[in-house]
Protein backbone atom coordinates (compact mmCIF):
# COMPACT_ATOMS: atom_id res chain seq x y z
CA UNK A 1 105.09 -55.58 -56.30
CA UNK A 2 107.48 -55.03 -59.19
CA UNK A 3 106.68 -54.65 -62.88
CA UNK A 4 105.75 -57.97 -64.44
CA UNK A 5 107.42 -59.15 -67.65
CA UNK A 6 105.08 -58.79 -70.64
CA UNK A 7 104.54 -62.08 -72.48
CA UNK A 8 104.09 -62.34 -76.26
CA UNK A 9 102.59 -65.51 -77.75
CA UNK A 10 103.94 -65.79 -81.30
CA UNK A 11 101.47 -67.55 -83.60
CA UNK A 12 103.54 -66.74 -86.71
CA UNK A 13 101.80 -68.70 -89.48
CA UNK A 14 100.77 -71.73 -87.39
CA UNK A 15 97.14 -70.90 -88.20
CA UNK A 16 97.80 -71.95 -91.80
CA UNK A 17 95.58 -69.20 -93.14
CA UNK A 18 92.48 -70.48 -91.35
CA UNK A 19 90.83 -67.43 -89.75
CA UNK A 20 88.84 -69.60 -87.32
CA UNK A 21 92.00 -71.26 -86.03
CA UNK A 22 93.69 -67.86 -85.78
CA UNK A 23 90.78 -66.65 -83.66
CA UNK A 24 91.05 -69.74 -81.48
CA UNK A 25 94.70 -68.88 -80.82
CA UNK A 26 93.50 -65.48 -79.60
CA UNK A 27 90.83 -66.91 -77.30
CA UNK A 28 93.17 -69.49 -75.77
CA UNK A 29 95.97 -66.98 -75.20
CA UNK A 30 93.53 -64.50 -73.65
CA UNK A 31 92.15 -67.16 -71.29
CA UNK A 32 95.70 -67.81 -70.06
CA UNK A 33 96.33 -64.11 -69.44
CA UNK A 34 99.03 -63.61 -72.08
CA UNK A 35 99.63 -59.92 -72.83
CA UNK A 36 100.10 -60.03 -76.61
CA UNK A 37 99.15 -62.43 -79.40
CA UNK A 38 101.41 -61.93 -82.40
CA UNK A 39 100.90 -62.66 -86.07
CA UNK A 40 102.97 -61.89 -89.18
CA UNK A 41 102.03 -59.47 -91.96
CA UNK A 42 104.19 -60.63 -94.87
CA UNK A 43 102.81 -60.80 -98.39
CA UNK A 44 103.50 -63.68 -100.77
CA UNK A 45 103.86 -61.21 -103.65
CA UNK A 46 107.10 -60.00 -102.02
CA UNK A 47 108.62 -63.50 -101.76
CA UNK A 48 110.82 -65.33 -104.20
CA UNK A 49 109.05 -68.31 -105.73
CA UNK A 50 112.10 -70.48 -105.04
CA UNK A 51 111.70 -69.91 -101.29
CA UNK A 52 111.51 -73.41 -99.73
CA UNK A 53 108.37 -72.40 -97.81
CA UNK A 54 106.69 -70.60 -100.69
CA UNK A 55 103.72 -72.99 -100.91
CA UNK A 56 103.14 -72.79 -97.16
CA UNK A 57 103.26 -69.00 -97.24
CA UNK A 58 100.76 -68.93 -100.08
CA UNK A 59 98.41 -70.90 -97.87
CA UNK A 60 99.07 -69.00 -94.64
CA UNK A 61 99.12 -65.35 -95.78
CA UNK A 62 96.78 -63.11 -93.78
CA UNK A 63 94.55 -60.95 -95.97
CA UNK A 64 93.84 -57.31 -95.18
CA UNK A 65 90.33 -58.34 -94.12
CA UNK A 66 91.78 -60.95 -91.73
CA UNK A 67 93.78 -58.26 -89.95
CA UNK A 68 90.61 -56.36 -89.11
CA UNK A 69 88.85 -59.53 -87.94
CA UNK A 70 91.74 -60.56 -85.70
CA UNK A 71 92.07 -57.10 -84.14
CA UNK A 72 88.33 -57.15 -83.40
CA UNK A 73 88.69 -60.58 -81.80
CA UNK A 74 91.58 -59.34 -79.66
CA UNK A 75 89.53 -56.37 -78.48
CA UNK A 76 86.66 -58.69 -77.64
CA UNK A 77 88.87 -60.88 -75.44
CA UNK A 78 91.05 -58.09 -74.02
CA UNK A 79 94.41 -59.16 -75.40
CA UNK A 80 96.76 -56.96 -77.43
CA UNK A 81 97.17 -57.62 -81.14
CA UNK A 82 100.75 -57.45 -82.40
CA UNK A 83 102.18 -58.22 -85.81
CA UNK A 84 105.52 -58.21 -87.60
CA UNK A 85 106.11 -55.86 -90.51
CA UNK A 86 108.34 -57.31 -93.23
CA UNK A 87 108.49 -54.62 -95.92
CA UNK A 88 108.25 -50.87 -96.35
CA UNK A 89 105.19 -51.06 -98.58
CA UNK A 90 103.21 -52.67 -95.75
CA UNK A 91 103.82 -49.86 -93.24
CA UNK A 92 100.98 -47.60 -94.40
CA UNK A 93 98.36 -50.35 -94.16
CA UNK A 94 99.52 -51.51 -90.71
CA UNK A 95 99.70 -47.98 -89.32
CA UNK A 96 96.13 -47.36 -90.47
CA UNK A 97 94.88 -50.29 -88.37
CA UNK A 98 95.14 -48.16 -85.25
CA UNK A 99 98.12 -50.10 -83.89
CA UNK A 100 100.55 -48.19 -81.67
CA UNK A 101 103.12 -50.99 -81.38
CA UNK A 102 104.82 -53.02 -84.10
CA UNK A 103 107.26 -55.93 -84.13
CA UNK A 104 110.41 -56.02 -86.24
CA UNK A 105 111.84 -59.49 -86.85
CA UNK A 106 115.52 -60.30 -86.56
CA UNK A 107 115.98 -60.30 -90.34
CA UNK A 108 115.18 -56.57 -90.36
CA UNK A 109 117.09 -55.39 -87.30
CA UNK A 110 119.45 -53.56 -89.67
CA UNK A 111 116.80 -52.53 -92.23
CA UNK A 112 117.53 -48.94 -91.30
CA UNK A 113 115.18 -47.21 -93.75
CA UNK A 114 112.25 -49.39 -92.73
CA UNK A 115 112.97 -48.92 -89.02
CA UNK A 116 113.11 -45.14 -89.41
CA UNK A 117 109.77 -45.13 -91.25
CA UNK A 118 108.20 -47.43 -88.64
CA UNK A 119 109.39 -45.13 -85.85
CA UNK A 120 107.49 -42.28 -87.51
CA UNK A 121 104.24 -44.26 -87.60
CA UNK A 122 104.27 -46.26 -84.35
CA UNK A 123 104.82 -45.27 -80.72
CA UNK A 124 106.78 -48.40 -79.78
CA UNK A 125 109.01 -50.72 -81.82
CA UNK A 126 109.85 -54.19 -80.49
CA UNK A 127 112.94 -55.38 -82.35
CA UNK A 128 114.55 -58.82 -82.31
CA UNK A 129 118.33 -58.72 -82.71
CA UNK A 130 119.19 -62.24 -83.88
CA UNK A 131 121.89 -62.65 -86.57
CA UNK A 132 123.13 -59.06 -86.17
CA UNK A 133 126.55 -57.75 -85.25
CA UNK A 134 127.05 -55.27 -82.45
CA UNK A 135 127.74 -52.34 -84.78
CA UNK A 136 124.46 -52.94 -86.62
CA UNK A 137 122.51 -52.92 -83.37
CA UNK A 138 124.30 -49.73 -82.33
CA UNK A 139 123.30 -48.03 -85.58
CA UNK A 140 119.65 -49.07 -85.16
CA UNK A 141 119.69 -47.71 -81.60
CA UNK A 142 121.13 -44.42 -82.88
CA UNK A 143 118.33 -44.12 -85.46
CA UNK A 144 115.78 -44.66 -82.67
CA UNK A 145 117.36 -42.26 -80.20
CA UNK A 146 114.62 -40.38 -78.37
CA UNK A 147 111.99 -42.94 -79.44
CA UNK A 148 110.41 -45.74 -77.41
CA UNK A 149 111.82 -49.10 -78.43
CA UNK A 150 112.60 -52.54 -77.05
CA UNK A 151 115.50 -54.75 -78.06
CA UNK A 152 114.89 -58.49 -77.74
CA UNK A 153 117.94 -60.71 -77.51
CA UNK A 154 117.40 -63.54 -79.96
CA UNK A 155 119.35 -66.46 -81.42
CA UNK A 156 118.07 -67.32 -84.89
CA UNK A 157 118.64 -71.06 -84.74
CA UNK A 158 115.61 -73.36 -84.98
CA UNK A 159 115.66 -74.87 -82.44
CA UNK A 160 118.26 -73.02 -80.37
CA UNK A 161 120.42 -75.28 -78.15
CA UNK A 162 120.43 -74.13 -74.53
CA UNK A 163 124.20 -73.65 -74.58
CA UNK A 164 123.81 -71.08 -77.39
CA UNK A 165 121.20 -68.89 -75.64
CA UNK A 166 123.63 -66.54 -73.83
CA UNK A 167 121.07 -64.50 -71.89
CA UNK A 168 123.82 -62.19 -70.63
CA UNK A 169 123.45 -60.49 -74.01
CA UNK A 170 120.33 -58.87 -72.52
CA UNK A 171 122.59 -56.96 -70.13
CA UNK A 172 124.64 -55.64 -73.06
CA UNK A 173 121.48 -54.43 -74.81
CA UNK A 174 120.52 -52.31 -71.79
CA UNK A 175 123.09 -49.68 -72.76
CA UNK A 176 120.76 -48.71 -75.62
CA UNK A 177 117.35 -48.89 -73.93
CA UNK A 178 116.02 -49.83 -70.49
CA UNK A 179 113.41 -52.01 -72.21
CA UNK A 180 115.07 -55.28 -73.19
CA UNK A 181 113.88 -58.84 -73.41
CA UNK A 182 114.22 -62.18 -75.09
CA UNK A 183 112.68 -63.88 -78.13
CA UNK A 184 112.99 -67.64 -77.75
CA UNK A 185 113.50 -70.54 -80.14
CA UNK A 186 114.56 -73.23 -77.67
CA UNK A 187 112.60 -76.40 -76.95
CA UNK A 188 110.80 -76.00 -73.63
CA UNK A 189 110.33 -72.92 -71.46
CA UNK A 190 113.44 -72.94 -69.27
CA UNK A 191 115.18 -70.17 -71.24
CA UNK A 192 112.05 -67.98 -71.18
CA UNK A 193 111.74 -68.39 -67.43
CA UNK A 194 115.42 -67.58 -66.98
CA UNK A 195 114.96 -64.38 -69.01
CA UNK A 196 112.00 -63.39 -66.84
CA UNK A 197 114.08 -64.00 -63.70
CA UNK A 198 116.81 -61.86 -65.23
CA UNK A 199 114.42 -58.92 -65.44
CA UNK A 200 113.25 -59.04 -69.07
CA UNK A 201 110.70 -56.38 -69.94
CA UNK A 202 109.26 -58.66 -72.65
CA UNK A 203 109.58 -62.31 -73.58
CA UNK A 204 108.34 -63.84 -76.82
CA UNK A 205 107.70 -67.53 -77.39
CA UNK A 206 106.20 -69.37 -80.34
CA UNK A 207 102.73 -70.77 -79.67
CA UNK A 208 100.96 -73.94 -80.77
CA UNK A 209 97.57 -75.42 -79.97
CA UNK A 210 98.97 -78.87 -80.72
CA UNK A 211 99.29 -80.93 -83.88
CA UNK A 212 95.64 -81.99 -83.73
CA UNK A 213 94.41 -78.40 -83.30
CA UNK A 214 96.35 -76.36 -85.85
CA UNK A 215 97.99 -76.91 -89.26
CA UNK A 216 101.55 -76.60 -88.02
CA UNK A 217 103.44 -77.22 -84.79
CA UNK A 218 107.20 -76.81 -84.41
CA UNK A 219 109.46 -78.32 -81.73
CA UNK A 220 110.22 -74.85 -80.33
CA UNK A 221 106.54 -73.92 -79.93
CA UNK A 222 105.02 -73.78 -76.45
CA UNK A 223 101.67 -75.35 -75.64
CA UNK A 224 98.86 -73.60 -73.75
CA UNK A 225 99.89 -75.47 -70.60
CA UNK A 226 103.46 -74.22 -70.96
CA UNK A 227 102.22 -70.65 -71.44
CA UNK A 228 100.21 -71.04 -68.23
CA UNK A 229 103.44 -71.98 -66.47
CA UNK A 230 105.25 -69.00 -68.00
CA UNK A 231 102.53 -66.61 -66.82
CA UNK A 232 102.52 -68.09 -63.31
CA UNK A 233 106.30 -67.73 -63.15
CA UNK A 234 106.15 -64.13 -64.45
CA UNK A 235 103.71 -63.14 -61.71
CA UNK A 236 105.87 -64.76 -59.03
CA UNK A 237 109.01 -63.08 -60.34
CA UNK A 238 107.34 -59.68 -60.22
CA UNK A 239 106.75 -60.27 -56.51
CA UNK A 240 110.26 -61.58 -55.90
CA UNK A 241 112.19 -58.98 -57.91
CA UNK A 242 110.31 -56.06 -56.39
CA UNK A 243 110.34 -52.44 -57.49
CA UNK A 244 113.50 -51.15 -59.16
CA UNK A 245 112.55 -47.60 -58.13
CA UNK A 246 112.33 -48.45 -54.43
CA UNK A 247 114.67 -46.61 -52.08
CA UNK A 248 115.85 -49.96 -50.67
CA UNK A 249 115.25 -48.92 -47.06
CA UNK A 250 114.02 -51.64 -44.72
CA UNK A 251 110.29 -52.23 -44.58
CA UNK A 252 108.04 -51.40 -41.64
CA UNK A 253 107.85 -55.12 -40.85
CA UNK A 254 111.62 -55.43 -40.87
CA UNK A 255 111.95 -52.35 -38.66
CA UNK A 256 109.89 -54.15 -36.01
CA UNK A 257 112.10 -57.23 -36.37
CA UNK A 258 115.13 -54.99 -35.89
CA UNK A 259 113.90 -54.00 -32.44
CA UNK A 260 113.67 -57.66 -31.52
CA UNK A 261 116.92 -59.02 -32.91
CA UNK A 262 119.49 -56.23 -32.85
CA UNK A 263 121.09 -55.96 -29.45
CA UNK A 264 119.65 -59.26 -28.21
CA UNK A 265 123.09 -60.28 -27.03
CA UNK A 266 124.23 -56.83 -26.03
CA UNK A 267 125.98 -54.16 -28.03
CA UNK A 268 128.60 -55.28 -30.56
CA UNK A 269 129.39 -51.78 -31.76
């Protein structure tokens, strides 16, 4: 069996600042078998007050205490906690939580100082590349040379039309790191499944419990049922794609079939 694509359920701020709803996201994702549940660690004090979502962010900001509670809940249900760092001043706090992996959103793919500092504090950076030119991605990769990092192809359009996804960009990203994937903003799960079939190391999809279950649900969010389908597909693809390190010789079963079929009609050599 090959290596299965790791799946990240992105809660973002859909919990609306309600710690009980945030914990429910964790429990539901864990019951599905999702690998990571991801939150966001921005602080309202760093935002401009004229930001169109300022009031929502005031409501949905996760306190320091909430981080500890959510990590504890993740440990309880055996799912990995992941969060996005948005500013340099937040690095020290996040690194002291015991996290070894950190997410960098597309807006900060070229925040070179922050990325360098994050690479000194965390073992693995998962970086979305939406909105960034090739030369910016190259520079980020150069900063991270010798470090463990993942580039996620991403299109920062909400929602992203299917004809704008361009998953072949994943292949281009492989020149910088063998660990590449896809962060999705399309409606539905077709693009995520296509990325898995294309050999993504990680896929990320926004997560909702439904309009009646959480304060916010966006058209590009996936439901628990859709995440179940993603996980089922990821397991099947791991079987189908096989092991990239295999020597590609025929299997023992195929060797037996060879004895039966080759030469059935005489020698053609």
